[in-house]
């Protein structure tokens, strides 16, 4: 018998017996939406799915209005992985592959180092972009290398753990799983022992952190992929709940959403410049672009492009609905 689950939800909880917070995420519908118009190799899907689950878990720890963007950059078969998640847990993600590499030869179990960081020059970039950011204000950005003391980082979980340690000075552990149907993850984060309800003897706090990691190490990929977060939380920490207490919060829904629009593409063409756009029109009848995240195709013919540069606004260029090739 398989436990039923509510697709696409995040469960946040805190432990009464240690200054530790936890989160469990399970994503199915939104993951399917991300993959709907993509044909990634199996290994790429696995790494991207891990990043999606990790990104939602990290976003769940934040208290701000805006978007968090995680990028893993390198020179391997994958040039770029991107996950974007906002405060409402609306997500989108994509992978940009290296056309110079024969992707058909990728092993299904290739790891993060194999795929994105074969030369040791890869890096992880996390950007926090507040919704109320003022013009000229720079978003917060943290960058870490995809290596630890010269050793390559082999998984998304290791990369995020390294980032949280070096950039945020927070002890964090992640357990991630993904396949073609769903992705899921578990996060534990040790909170500062600074008084109040979570204040306790340092030795007790340290023992609690170790104990909870040991319990979490028993989680299986199958559980992460198939169980509702609340069910998995109770299964993993039943003994902890009985002896120390676990306080959970309402599950938060997750959904796929893309912010692309004809208006934004027109604005991009205007920034590209009239000369460059006209050079494209000389070769082709129209400028065509598609969204890396959702696959939506936008087509601007010569008249559309002329309107973009003839007016101080680009409203006229977006009156037509997007021409889709779906």
C-alpha atoms as a PDB file:
ATOM      1  CA  UNK A   1       0.000   0.000   0.000  1.00  0.00           C
ATOM      2  CA  UNK A   2       1.359   3.410  -1.011  1.00  0.00           C
ATOM      3  CA  UNK A   3       0.799   6.449   1.184  1.00  0.00           C
ATOM      4  CA  UNK A   4      -1.199   9.153  -0.536  1.00  0.00           C
ATOM      5  CA  UNK A   5       0.348  12.555  -0.756  1.00  0.00           C
ATOM      6  CA  UNK A   6      -0.644  16.089  -1.630  1.00  0.00           C
ATOM      7  CA  UNK A   7       1.453  17.023  -4.664  1.00  0.00           C
ATOM      8  CA  UNK A   8       3.602  20.121  -4.566  1.00  0.00           C
ATOM      9  CA  UNK A   9       3.811  21.105  -0.920  1.00  0.00           C
ATOM     10  CA  UNK A  10       6.371  22.275   1.634  1.00  0.00           C
ATOM     11  CA  UNK A  11       6.198  21.330   5.311  1.00  0.00           C
ATOM     12  CA  UNK A  12       8.128  23.436   7.825  1.00  0.00           C
ATOM     13  CA  UNK A  13       8.704  22.313  11.417  1.00  0.00           C
ATOM     14  CA  UNK A  14      10.912  23.002  14.434  1.00  0.00           C
ATOM     15  CA  UNK A  15      12.224  20.693  17.122  1.00  0.00           C
ATOM     16  CA  UNK A  16      11.556  21.456  20.763  1.00  0.00           C
ATOM     17  CA  UNK A  17      14.523  19.389  21.923  1.00  0.00           C
ATOM     18  CA  UNK A  18      17.180  21.179  19.857  1.00  0.00           C
ATOM     19  CA  UNK A  19      17.654  24.567  18.149  1.00  0.00           C
ATOM     20  CA  UNK A  20      16.954  23.045  14.752  1.00  0.00           C
ATOM     21  CA  UNK A  21      14.402  23.725  12.036  1.00  0.00           C
ATOM     22  CA  UNK A  22      13.379  21.257   9.376  1.00  0.00           C
ATOM     23  CA  UNK A  23      11.611  21.310   6.025  1.00  0.00           C
ATOM     24  CA  UNK A  24      10.336  18.588   3.734  1.00  0.00           C
ATOM     25  CA  UNK A  25       9.234  19.193   0.156  1.00  0.00           C
ATOM     26  CA  UNK A  26       7.560  17.035  -2.464  1.00  0.00           C
ATOM     27  CA  UNK A  27       7.039  18.370  -5.978  1.00  0.00           C
ATOM     28  CA  UNK A  28       5.258  16.526  -8.776  1.00  0.00           C
ATOM     29  CA  UNK A  29       2.925  18.691 -10.894  1.00  0.00           C
ATOM     30  CA  UNK A  30       5.282  21.647 -11.034  1.00  0.00           C
ATOM     31  CA  UNK A  31       8.226  19.363 -11.846  1.00  0.00           C
ATOM     32  CA  UNK A  32       6.243  17.889 -14.707  1.00  0.00           C
ATOM     33  CA  UNK A  33       5.498  21.404 -15.959  1.00  0.00           C
ATOM     34  CA  UNK A  34       9.220  22.234 -15.913  1.00  0.00           C
ATOM     35  CA  UNK A  35      10.021  19.115 -17.959  1.00  0.00           C
ATOM     36  CA  UNK A  36       7.007  19.364 -20.290  1.00  0.00           C
ATOM     37  CA  UNK A  37       8.806  21.020 -23.197  1.00  0.00           C
ATOM     38  CA  UNK A  38      12.312  19.761 -22.480  1.00  0.00           C
ATOM     39  CA  UNK A  39      14.171  16.663 -23.580  1.00  0.00           C
ATOM     40  CA  UNK A  40      17.037  16.528 -21.123  1.00  0.00           C
ATOM     41  CA  UNK A  41      19.232  13.448 -20.709  1.00  0.00           C
ATOM     42  CA  UNK A  42      18.455  11.399 -17.587  1.00  0.00           C
ATOM     43  CA  UNK A  43      21.493  12.665 -15.669  1.00  0.00           C
ATOM     44  CA  UNK A  44      20.568  16.295 -16.380  1.00  0.00           C
ATOM     45  CA  UNK A  45      17.008  15.742 -15.186  1.00  0.00           C
ATOM     46  CA  UNK A  46      18.352  14.264 -11.971  1.00  0.00           C
ATOM     47  CA  UNK A  47      20.626  17.227 -11.216  1.00  0.00           C
ATOM     48  CA  UNK A  48      17.975  19.799 -12.185  1.00  0.00           C
ATOM     49  CA  UNK A  49      15.355  18.029 -10.060  1.00  0.00           C
ATOM     50  CA  UNK A  50      17.692  18.095  -7.081  1.00  0.00           C
ATOM     51  CA  UNK A  51      18.225  21.827  -7.627  1.00  0.00           C
ATOM     52  CA  UNK A  52      14.468  22.461  -7.803  1.00  0.00           C
ATOM     53  CA  UNK A  53      13.853  20.650  -4.508  1.00  0.00           C
ATOM     54  CA  UNK A  54      16.836  22.357  -2.835  1.00  0.00           C
ATOM     55  CA  UNK A  55      15.734  25.774  -4.087  1.00  0.00           C
ATOM     56  CA  UNK A  56      12.242  25.458  -2.626  1.00  0.00           C
ATOM     57  CA  UNK A  57      13.695  24.263   0.680  1.00  0.00           C
ATOM     58  CA  UNK A  58      16.036  27.267   0.827  1.00  0.00           C
ATOM     59  CA  UNK A  59      13.299  29.690  -0.176  1.00  0.00           C
ATOM     60  CA  UNK A  60      11.168  28.302   2.645  1.00  0.00           C
ATOM     61  CA  UNK A  61      13.786  29.479   5.150  1.00  0.00           C
ATOM     62  CA  UNK A  62      13.602  33.092   3.937  1.00  0.00           C
ATOM     63  CA  UNK A  63      11.331  35.841   5.200  1.00  0.00           C
ATOM     64  CA  UNK A  64      11.260  38.417   2.441  1.00  0.00           C
ATOM     65  CA  UNK A  65       9.169  39.459  -0.549  1.00  0.00           C
ATOM     66  CA  UNK A  66      10.923  38.784  -3.805  1.00  0.00           C
ATOM     67  CA  UNK A  67      12.701  36.083  -5.735  1.00  0.00           C
ATOM     68  CA  UNK A  68      15.602  33.783  -5.003  1.00  0.00           C
ATOM     69  CA  UNK A  69      17.615  32.631  -7.995  1.00  0.00           C
ATOM     70  CA  UNK A  70      20.092  29.739  -7.764  1.00  0.00           C
ATOM     71  CA  UNK A  71      22.560  29.293 -10.613  1.00  0.00           C
ATOM     72  CA  UNK A  72      25.169  26.570 -11.025  1.00  0.00           C
ATOM     73  CA  UNK A  73      27.630  27.564 -13.740  1.00  0.00           C
ATOM     74  CA  UNK A  74      30.401  25.596 -15.394  1.00  0.00           C
ATOM     75  CA  UNK A  75      32.033  24.321 -18.565  1.00  0.00           C
ATOM     76  CA  UNK A  76      30.857  20.734 -18.699  1.00  0.00           C
ATOM     77  CA  UNK A  77      27.927  19.108 -20.483  1.00  0.00           C
ATOM     78  CA  UNK A  78      25.786  21.535 -18.484  1.00  0.00           C
ATOM     79  CA  UNK A  79      26.748  25.177 -18.848  1.00  0.00           C
ATOM     80  CA  UNK A  80      24.053  26.549 -16.563  1.00  0.00           C
ATOM     81  CA  UNK A  81      21.365  25.369 -14.165  1.00  0.00           C
ATOM     82  CA  UNK A  82      18.810  27.935 -12.999  1.00  0.00           C
ATOM     83  CA  UNK A  83      16.064  27.751 -10.388  1.00  0.00           C
ATOM     84  CA  UNK A  84      13.897  30.733  -9.524  1.00  0.00           C
ATOM     85  CA  UNK A  85      11.481  30.713  -6.589  1.00  0.00           C
ATOM     86  CA  UNK A  86       9.526  33.594  -5.060  1.00  0.00           C
ATOM     87  CA  UNK A  87       7.996  34.123  -1.632  1.00  0.00           C
ATOM     88  CA  UNK A  88       4.782  32.379  -2.758  1.00  0.00           C
ATOM     89  CA  UNK A  89       6.789  29.294  -3.795  1.00  0.00           C
ATOM     90  CA  UNK A  90       6.082  29.855  -7.465  1.00  0.00           C
ATOM     91  CA  UNK A  91       8.947  28.178  -9.290  1.00  0.00           C
ATOM     92  CA  UNK A  92      10.535  27.845 -12.698  1.00  0.00           C
ATOM     93  CA  UNK A  93      13.783  26.178 -13.737  1.00  0.00           C
ATOM     94  CA  UNK A  94      15.896  25.355 -16.771  1.00  0.00           C
ATOM     95  CA  UNK A  95      19.194  23.852 -17.867  1.00  0.00           C
ATOM     96  CA  UNK A  96      21.425  25.122 -20.680  1.00  0.00           C
ATOM     97  CA  UNK A  97      23.533  22.404 -22.220  1.00  0.00           C
ATOM     98  CA  UNK A  98      26.881  22.448 -24.009  1.00  0.00           C
ATOM     99  CA  UNK A  99      26.343  21.935 -27.731  1.00  0.00           C
ATOM    100  CA  UNK A 100      30.004  20.986 -28.160  1.00  0.00           C
ATOM    101  CA  UNK A 101      29.605  17.819 -26.067  1.00  0.00           C
ATOM    102  CA  UNK A 102      27.956  14.586 -27.202  1.00  0.00           C
ATOM    103  CA  UNK A 103      25.142  14.392 -24.671  1.00  0.00           C
ATOM    104  CA  UNK A 104      24.129  10.902 -25.781  1.00  0.00           C
ATOM    105  CA  UNK A 105      27.239   9.539 -24.079  1.00  0.00           C
ATOM    106  CA  UNK A 106      26.366  10.891 -20.637  1.00  0.00           C
ATOM    107  CA  UNK A 107      26.115   8.242 -17.950  1.00  0.00           C
ATOM    108  CA  UNK A 108      22.741   8.225 -16.198  1.00  0.00           C
ATOM    109  CA  UNK A 109      24.491   8.428 -12.826  1.00  0.00           C
ATOM    110  CA  UNK A 110      26.844  11.308 -13.751  1.00  0.00           C
ATOM    111  CA  UNK A 111      27.217  13.655 -10.767  1.00  0.00           C
ATOM    112  CA  UNK A 112      27.370  17.431 -10.446  1.00  0.00           C
ATOM    113  CA  UNK A 113      31.147  17.509 -10.839  1.00  0.00           C
ATOM    114  CA  UNK A 114      31.007  15.336 -13.967  1.00  0.00           C
ATOM    115  CA  UNK A 115      28.280  17.400 -15.593  1.00  0.00           C
ATOM    116  CA  UNK A 116      29.081  21.005 -14.734  1.00  0.00           C
ATOM    117  CA  UNK A 117      32.500  21.233 -13.141  1.00  0.00           C
ATOM    118  CA  UNK A 118      34.997  18.955 -14.923  1.00  0.00           C
ATOM    119  CA  UNK A 119      37.678  21.670 -14.950  1.00  0.00           C
ATOM    120  CA  UNK A 120      37.188  22.719 -11.336  1.00  0.00           C
ATOM    121  CA  UNK A 121      36.113  26.234 -12.333  1.00  0.00           C
ATOM    122  CA  UNK A 122      32.380  25.854 -11.656  1.00  0.00           C
ATOM    123  CA  UNK A 123      30.559  28.026  -9.146  1.00  0.00           C
ATOM    124  CA  UNK A 124      27.236  28.338  -7.356  1.00  0.00           C
ATOM    125  CA  UNK A 125      25.539  31.737  -7.331  1.00  0.00           C
ATOM    126  CA  UNK A 126      22.529  32.583  -5.154  1.00  0.00           C
ATOM    127  CA  UNK A 127      20.783  35.901  -5.738  1.00  0.00           C
ATOM    128  CA  UNK A 128      18.075  37.460  -3.562  1.00  0.00           C
ATOM    129  CA  UNK A 129      16.077  40.037  -5.481  1.00  0.00           C
ATOM    130  CA  UNK A 130      13.565  41.933  -3.281  1.00  0.00           C
ATOM    131  CA  UNK A 131      10.251  42.801  -4.912  1.00  0.00           C
ATOM    132  CA  UNK A 132      10.536  46.353  -3.573  1.00  0.00           C
ATOM    133  CA  UNK A 133      14.107  46.872  -4.837  1.00  0.00           C
ATOM    134  CA  UNK A 134      14.671  50.509  -5.726  1.00  0.00           C
ATOM    135  CA  UNK A 135      16.112  51.608  -9.109  1.00  0.00           C
ATOM    136  CA  UNK A 136      19.871  51.298  -8.955  1.00  0.00           C
ATOM    137  CA  UNK A 137      19.755  49.042  -5.913  1.00  0.00           C
ATOM    138  CA  UNK A 138      21.802  45.876  -6.408  1.00  0.00           C
ATOM    139  CA  UNK A 139      20.310  42.523  -5.378  1.00  0.00           C
ATOM    140  CA  UNK A 140      22.189  40.549  -2.725  1.00  0.00           C
ATOM    141  CA  UNK A 141      24.401  37.893  -4.307  1.00  0.00           C
ATOM    142  CA  UNK A 142      26.542  35.157  -2.786  1.00  0.00           C
ATOM    143  CA  UNK A 143      29.037  33.071  -4.766  1.00  0.00           C
ATOM    144  CA  UNK A 144      30.966  29.929  -3.826  1.00  0.00           C
ATOM    145  CA  UNK A 145      33.189  27.614  -5.841  1.00  0.00           C
ATOM    146  CA  UNK A 146      31.915  24.104  -6.578  1.00  0.00           C
ATOM    147  CA  UNK A 147      34.855  22.666  -4.671  1.00  0.00           C
ATOM    148  CA  UNK A 148      35.759  22.253  -1.016  1.00  0.00           C
ATOM    149  CA  UNK A 149      39.435  22.410  -0.062  1.00  0.00           C
ATOM    150  CA  UNK A 150      40.346  21.415  -3.592  1.00  0.00           C
ATOM    151  CA  UNK A 151      37.899  18.498  -3.705  1.00  0.00           C
ATOM    152  CA  UNK A 152      35.074  18.697  -6.282  1.00  0.00           C
ATOM    153  CA  UNK A 153      31.518  18.981  -5.007  1.00  0.00           C
ATOM    154  CA  UNK A 154      29.615  16.011  -6.400  1.00  0.00           C
ATOM    155  CA  UNK A 155      25.975  16.801  -5.599  1.00  0.00           C
ATOM    156  CA  UNK A 156      23.532  19.685  -5.306  1.00  0.00           C
ATOM    157  CA  UNK A 157      23.085  18.838  -1.617  1.00  0.00           C
ATOM    158  CA  UNK A 158      26.838  19.234  -1.028  1.00  0.00           C
ATOM    159  CA  UNK A 159      26.917  22.493  -3.000  1.00  0.00           C
ATOM    160  CA  UNK A 160      24.087  24.060  -0.973  1.00  0.00           C
ATOM    161  CA  UNK A 161      25.623  22.832   2.296  1.00  0.00           C
ATOM    162  CA  UNK A 162      28.934  24.428   1.309  1.00  0.00           C
ATOM    163  CA  UNK A 163      27.212  27.693   0.372  1.00  0.00           C
ATOM    164  CA  UNK A 164      25.321  27.892   3.664  1.00  0.00           C
ATOM    165  CA  UNK A 165      28.495  27.151   5.631  1.00  0.00           C
ATOM    166  CA  UNK A 166      30.791  29.614   3.848  1.00  0.00           C
ATOM    167  CA  UNK A 167      28.382  32.380   2.851  1.00  0.00           C
ATOM    168  CA  UNK A 168      25.743  32.304   5.599  1.00  0.00           C
ATOM    169  CA  UNK A 169      27.629  30.602   8.464  1.00  0.00           C
ATOM    170  CA  UNK A 170      24.714  28.246   9.082  1.00  0.00           C
ATOM    171  CA  UNK A 171      25.104  24.497   9.573  1.00  0.00           C
ATOM    172  CA  UNK A 172      22.742  22.914   7.062  1.00  0.00           C
ATOM    173  CA  UNK A 173      22.128  19.379   5.794  1.00  0.00           C
ATOM    174  CA  UNK A 174      20.059  18.349   2.779  1.00  0.00           C
ATOM    175  CA  UNK A 175      18.779  15.025   1.492  1.00  0.00           C
ATOM    176  CA  UNK A 176      17.525  15.217  -2.110  1.00  0.00           C
ATOM    177  CA  UNK A 177      15.959  12.834  -4.600  1.00  0.00           C
ATOM    178  CA  UNK A 178      14.515  13.210  -8.089  1.00  0.00           C
ATOM    179  CA  UNK A 179      13.372  11.174 -11.052  1.00  0.00           C
ATOM    180  CA  UNK A 180      11.234  11.814 -14.118  1.00  0.00           C
ATOM    181  CA  UNK A 181       8.029  11.860 -12.072  1.00  0.00           C
ATOM    182  CA  UNK A 182       8.837  13.929  -9.007  1.00  0.00           C
ATOM    183  CA  UNK A 183      11.503  15.526  -6.873  1.00  0.00           C
ATOM    184  CA  UNK A 184      11.712  15.891  -3.135  1.00  0.00           C
ATOM    185  CA  UNK A 185      13.969  16.862  -0.315  1.00  0.00           C
ATOM    186  CA  UNK A 186      14.601  17.241   3.389  1.00  0.00           C
ATOM    187  CA  UNK A 187      16.475  20.115   5.027  1.00  0.00           C
ATOM    188  CA  UNK A 188      17.792  20.463   8.562  1.00  0.00           C
ATOM    189  CA  UNK A 189      19.260  23.751   9.714  1.00  0.00           C
ATOM    190  CA  UNK A 190      20.911  24.407  13.061  1.00  0.00           C
ATOM    191  CA  UNK A 191      19.684  27.698  14.468  1.00  0.00           C
ATOM    192  CA  UNK A 192      21.779  30.057  16.594  1.00  0.00           C
ATOM    193  CA  UNK A 193      21.466  29.173  20.280  1.00  0.00           C
ATOM    194  CA  UNK A 194      20.746  32.756  21.296  1.00  0.00           C
ATOM    195  CA  UNK A 195      18.184  32.603  24.060  1.00  0.00           C
ATOM    196  CA  UNK A 196      14.426  32.528  24.223  1.00  0.00           C
ATOM    197  CA  UNK A 197      12.537  29.316  23.583  1.00  0.00           C
ATOM    198  CA  UNK A 198      15.479  27.735  21.751  1.00  0.00           C
ATOM    199  CA  UNK A 199      18.056  28.603  24.405  1.00  0.00           C
ATOM    200  CA  UNK A 200      19.706  25.530  25.953  1.00  0.00           C
ATOM    201  CA  UNK A 201      23.043  24.229  27.090  1.00  0.00           C
ATOM    202  CA  UNK A 202      25.521  24.141  24.178  1.00  0.00           C
ATOM    203  CA  UNK A 203      26.298  20.489  24.787  1.00  0.00           C
ATOM    204  CA  UNK A 204      22.582  19.624  24.729  1.00  0.00           C
ATOM    205  CA  UNK A 205      22.122  21.645  21.550  1.00  0.00           C
ATOM    206  CA  UNK A 206      25.067  19.900  19.876  1.00  0.00           C
ATOM    207  CA  UNK A 207      23.783  16.465  20.908  1.00  0.00           C
ATOM    208  CA  UNK A 208      20.355  17.317  19.509  1.00  0.00           C
ATOM    209  CA  UNK A 209      21.825  18.407  16.180  1.00  0.00           C
ATOM    210  CA  UNK A 210      23.752  15.134  15.922  1.00  0.00           C
ATOM    211  CA  UNK A 211      20.718  13.062  16.937  1.00  0.00           C
ATOM    212  CA  UNK A 212      18.457  14.685  14.357  1.00  0.00           C
ATOM    213  CA  UNK A 213      20.999  14.198  11.567  1.00  0.00           C
ATOM    214  CA  UNK A 214      21.201  10.512  12.468  1.00  0.00           C
ATOM    215  CA  UNK A 215      17.415  10.162  12.284  1.00  0.00           C
ATOM    216  CA  UNK A 216      17.338  12.029   8.973  1.00  0.00           C
ATOM    217  CA  UNK A 217      20.046   9.800   7.484  1.00  0.00           C
ATOM    218  CA  UNK A 218      17.494   6.961   7.514  1.00  0.00           C
ATOM    219  CA  UNK A 219      15.319   8.650   4.872  1.00  0.00           C
ATOM    220  CA  UNK A 220      15.131   6.841   1.529  1.00  0.00           C
ATOM    221  CA  UNK A 221      14.841   8.240  -1.966  1.00  0.00           C
ATOM    222  CA  UNK A 222      11.511   6.458  -2.331  1.00  0.00           C
ATOM    223  CA  UNK A 223      10.141   8.237   0.747  1.00  0.00           C
ATOM    224  CA  UNK A 224      11.323  11.629  -0.490  1.00  0.00           C
ATOM    225  CA  UNK A 225       9.732  11.042  -3.893  1.00  0.00           C
ATOM    226  CA  UNK A 226       6.426   9.475  -2.867  1.00  0.00           C
ATOM    227  CA  UNK A 227       5.350  10.540   0.609  1.00  0.00           C
ATOM    228  CA  UNK A 228       3.408  13.620   1.582  1.00  0.00           C
ATOM    229  CA  UNK A 229       5.768  15.876   3.585  1.00  0.00           C
ATOM    230  CA  UNK A 230       3.644  15.734   6.737  1.00  0.00           C
ATOM    231  CA  UNK A 231       3.528  11.945   6.594  1.00  0.00           C
ATOM    232  CA  UNK A 232       7.287  11.703   6.106  1.00  0.00           C
ATOM    233  CA  UNK A 233       7.905  14.143   8.956  1.00  0.00           C
ATOM    234  CA  UNK A 234       5.891  11.978  11.352  1.00  0.00           C
ATOM    235  CA  UNK A 235       7.583   8.804  10.132  1.00  0.00           C
ATOM    236  CA  UNK A 236      11.126  10.129  10.557  1.00  0.00           C
ATOM    237  CA  UNK A 237      10.679  11.960  13.847  1.00  0.00           C
ATOM    238  CA  UNK A 238       8.042   9.956  15.722  1.00  0.00           C
ATOM    239  CA  UNK A 239      10.422   9.165  18.576  1.00  0.00           C
ATOM    240  CA  UNK A 240      11.625  12.773  18.659  1.00  0.00           C
ATOM    241  CA  UNK A 241       8.033  13.982  18.851  1.00  0.00           C
ATOM    242  CA  UNK A 242       7.234  11.653  21.745  1.00  0.00           C
ATOM    243  CA  UNK A 243      10.280  12.514  23.856  1.00  0.00           C
ATOM    244  CA  UNK A 244      11.009  16.138  22.964  1.00  0.00           C
ATOM    245  CA  UNK A 245       8.277  17.545  20.742  1.00  0.00           C
ATOM    246  CA  UNK A 246       8.055  18.610  17.105  1.00  0.00           C
ATOM    247  CA  UNK A 247       6.030  21.679  16.182  1.00  0.00           C
ATOM    248  CA  UNK A 248       4.811  21.842  12.582  1.00  0.00           C
ATOM    249  CA  UNK A 249       3.270  24.659  10.583  1.00  0.00           C
ATOM    250  CA  UNK A 250       0.674  24.659   7.810  1.00  0.00           C
ATOM    251  CA  UNK A 251       1.809  23.052   4.585  1.00  0.00           C
ATOM    252  CA  UNK A 252       2.581  25.587   1.875  1.00  0.00           C
ATOM    253  CA  UNK A 253       1.544  24.925  -1.744  1.00  0.00           C
ATOM    254  CA  UNK A 254       4.066  25.077  -4.594  1.00  0.00           C
ATOM    255  CA  UNK A 255       3.245  25.842  -8.205  1.00  0.00           C
ATOM    256  CA  UNK A 256       4.976  26.344 -11.518  1.00  0.00           C
ATOM    257  CA  UNK A 257       4.794  29.841 -12.975  1.00  0.00           C
ATOM    258  CA  UNK A 258       6.716  31.690 -15.666  1.00  0.00           C
ATOM    259  CA  UNK A 259       7.118  35.455 -15.792  1.00  0.00           C
ATOM    260  CA  UNK A 260       7.906  35.680 -19.491  1.00  0.00           C
ATOM    261  CA  UNK A 261       5.733  37.966 -21.645  1.00  0.00           C
ATOM    262  CA  UNK A 262       5.636  39.573 -25.059  1.00  0.00           C
ATOM    263  CA  UNK A 263       6.265  42.908 -23.348  1.00  0.00           C
ATOM    264  CA  UNK A 264       9.506  41.665 -21.759  1.00  0.00           C
ATOM    265  CA  UNK A 265      10.742  40.226 -25.056  1.00  0.00           C
ATOM    266  CA  UNK A 266      10.000  43.518 -26.804  1.00  0.00           C
ATOM    267  CA  UNK A 267      11.925  45.346 -24.107  1.00  0.00           C
ATOM    268  CA  UNK A 268      14.843  42.944 -24.618  1.00  0.00           C
ATOM    269  CA  UNK A 269      14.836  43.641 -28.368  1.00  0.00           C
ATOM    270  CA  UNK A 270      14.869  47.366 -27.701  1.00  0.00           C
ATOM    271  CA  UNK A 271      17.930  46.951 -25.475  1.00  0.00           C
ATOM    272  CA  UNK A 272      19.557  44.817 -28.174  1.00  0.00           C
ATOM    273  CA  UNK A 273      19.392  47.810 -30.508  1.00  0.00           C
ATOM    274  CA  UNK A 274      17.760  48.630 -33.813  1.00  0.00           C
ATOM    275  CA  UNK A 275      20.853  47.869 -35.889  1.00  0.00           C
ATOM    276  CA  UNK A 276      21.221  44.374 -34.465  1.00  0.00           C
ATOM    277  CA  UNK A 277      17.501  43.624 -34.803  1.00  0.00           C
ATOM    278  CA  UNK A 278      17.493  44.837 -38.420  1.00  0.00           C
ATOM    279  CA  UNK A 279      20.441  42.571 -39.196  1.00  0.00           C
ATOM    280  CA  UNK A 280      18.372  39.615 -37.968  1.00  0.00           C
ATOM    281  CA  UNK A 281      15.419  40.706 -40.107  1.00  0.00           C
ATOM    282  CA  UNK A 282      17.656  40.798 -43.187  1.00  0.00           C
ATOM    283  CA  UNK A 283      18.444  37.118 -42.701  1.00  0.00           C
ATOM    284  CA  UNK A 284      14.966  36.083 -41.593  1.00  0.00           C
ATOM    285  CA  UNK A 285      11.412  37.331 -42.043  1.00  0.00           C
ATOM    286  CA  UNK A 286      10.976  37.808 -38.311  1.00  0.00           C
ATOM    287  CA  UNK A 287      12.767  37.782 -34.985  1.00  0.00           C
ATOM    288  CA  UNK A 288      11.842  34.640 -33.121  1.00  0.00           C
ATOM    289  CA  UNK A 289      12.705  33.808 -29.533  1.00  0.00           C
ATOM    290  CA  UNK A 290      11.462  31.293 -27.038  1.00  0.00           C
ATOM    291  CA  UNK A 291      11.440  31.271 -23.247  1.00  0.00           C
ATOM    292  CA  UNK A 292      14.069  28.962 -21.741  1.00  0.00           C
ATOM    293  CA  UNK A 293      11.759  28.218 -18.816  1.00  0.00           C
ATOM    294  CA  UNK A 294       8.349  27.466 -20.343  1.00  0.00           C
ATOM    295  CA  UNK A 295       9.088  27.122 -24.060  1.00  0.00           C
ATOM    296  CA  UNK A 296       6.670  29.865 -25.123  1.00  0.00           C
ATOM    297  CA  UNK A 297       7.608  31.152 -28.599  1.00  0.00           C
ATOM    298  CA  UNK A 298       7.443  34.878 -29.377  1.00  0.00           C
ATOM    299  CA  UNK A 299       7.594  36.147 -32.968  1.00  0.00           C
ATOM    300  CA  UNK A 300       8.130  39.769 -34.011  1.00  0.00           C
ATOM    301  CA  UNK A 301       7.871  40.582 -37.707  1.00  0.00           C
ATOM    302  CA  UNK A 302       9.323  43.679 -39.392  1.00  0.00           C
ATOM    303  CA  UNK A 303       6.272  45.794 -38.530  1.00  0.00           C
ATOM    304  CA  UNK A 304       6.431  44.765 -34.869  1.00  0.00           C
ATOM    305  CA  UNK A 305      10.130  45.614 -34.699  1.00  0.00           C
ATOM    306  CA  UNK A 306       9.601  48.980 -36.367  1.00  0.00           C
ATOM    307  CA  UNK A 307       6.979  49.852 -33.763  1.00  0.00           C
ATOM    308  CA  UNK A 308       9.387  48.974 -30.961  1.00  0.00           C
ATOM    309  CA  UNK A 309      11.929  51.554 -32.071  1.00  0.00           C
ATOM    310  CA  UNK A 310       9.476  54.167 -33.389  1.00  0.00           C
ATOM    311  CA  UNK A 311       7.893  54.883 -30.010  1.00  0.00           C
ATOM    312  CA  UNK A 312       9.135  55.847 -26.592  1.00  0.00           C
ATOM    313  CA  UNK A 313       7.026  52.973 -25.245  1.00  0.00           C
ATOM    314  CA  UNK A 314       6.698  49.414 -26.442  1.00  0.00           C
ATOM    315  CA  UNK A 315       2.971  49.052 -25.816  1.00  0.00           C
ATOM    316  CA  UNK A 316       2.162  48.933 -29.532  1.00  0.00           C
ATOM    317  CA  UNK A 317       4.522  46.025 -30.011  1.00  0.00           C
ATOM    318  CA  UNK A 318       2.671  43.845 -27.514  1.00  0.00           C
ATOM    319  CA  UNK A 319      -0.910  44.370 -28.647  1.00  0.00           C
ATOM    320  CA  UNK A 320      -0.855  41.059 -30.501  1.00  0.00           C
ATOM    321  CA  UNK A 321      -1.058  37.823 -28.529  1.00  0.00           C
ATOM    322  CA  UNK A 322       2.106  35.716 -28.596  1.00  0.00           C
ATOM    323  CA  UNK A 323       2.391  33.486 -31.649  1.00  0.00           C
ATOM    324  CA  UNK A 324       2.847  30.061 -30.123  1.00  0.00           C
ATOM    325  CA  UNK A 325       4.299  26.916 -31.679  1.00  0.00           C
ATOM    326  CA  UNK A 326       3.061  24.649 -28.907  1.00  0.00           C
END
